[in-house]
């Protein structure tokens, strides 16, 4: 008789007392275990989750979504999860779609499944979100060479094999989605997408940072991933240009001094600054390149 895989649902939560109960109760119908990380909430989020039978991981202070997800994935691994589902506690994600989300993994067709808001015609994404997400999605698809349409959706599932790989992210905040996808792509995991419905209307509004801060964090993560992936191009080439400009300025400084016997301090500072920055960028690019080669050999 075929044994059903153990499904563990992981829910990061911060100040979600108004919605976490509904999310947990609906998720329990489709998962063997429900884990909630109360990321330093000052309300009753953790107490409500415990009363409803979820296993609660508590952070004494708010450490960010990345830390919460990291704690959840570690606990899911210790439980021996065959499939891990990650969803938000604010009610945006519909737990009844969990079976559809894990189906490609159960059928052996994928290691990592991402829910896509764009593949479902019923989603009404707010304009400011759509604009920001479109920019980040296109940037990530080009940088990571992934065909995933919705790189930022937090509704996703992964197999036990993928769990070991995607848990190695460094992001502390909302960049966790981008970095997990980058790790999956870089390590050759089979990534699939399924359409999901996401609710934005009728949810309680809680203050969790401005959209500008969120967007800045995502851009920072994308830039870091791009630099780590192509250090010679993104650091080495600008470094060589700055070094060349510094040398040219230094030659001009020497020529000017020989002609006028005047030491031009601004030109000297420009020469020194450009050359120093160039050398730092070149050395950094070489170090990152060597580290990437060593890491890839180990993999």
Foldseek 3Di string as FASTA:
>chain_A
DDDDFAEEEEEEDAQQPPFQLVVVVQLVVPHPAYEYEHQQHPDCNQVSCVVNPHHYHYDVHHFAPLVSVLVRLVVCVVVVGFKYWYDYRQPFFRSVCVCVQCVCVVVVNFFKEAADQVVDPPEDDDPVVVVLQQVLQVLLCVLLVDPDNRQQGRTMMGGSVLSVQLSPDDDRYSLSSSSSVSSCSVVVTGYYYDYTGTDDPPTDDDDDDDPVVVSVSNVVSSVVSSCLVQLCVPQVVQLVVLLVVLVVLVVVQVVVCVVPVDRDVVSNVSSVVSNVSSVVSNVVSVVSVVVVVVVVVVD
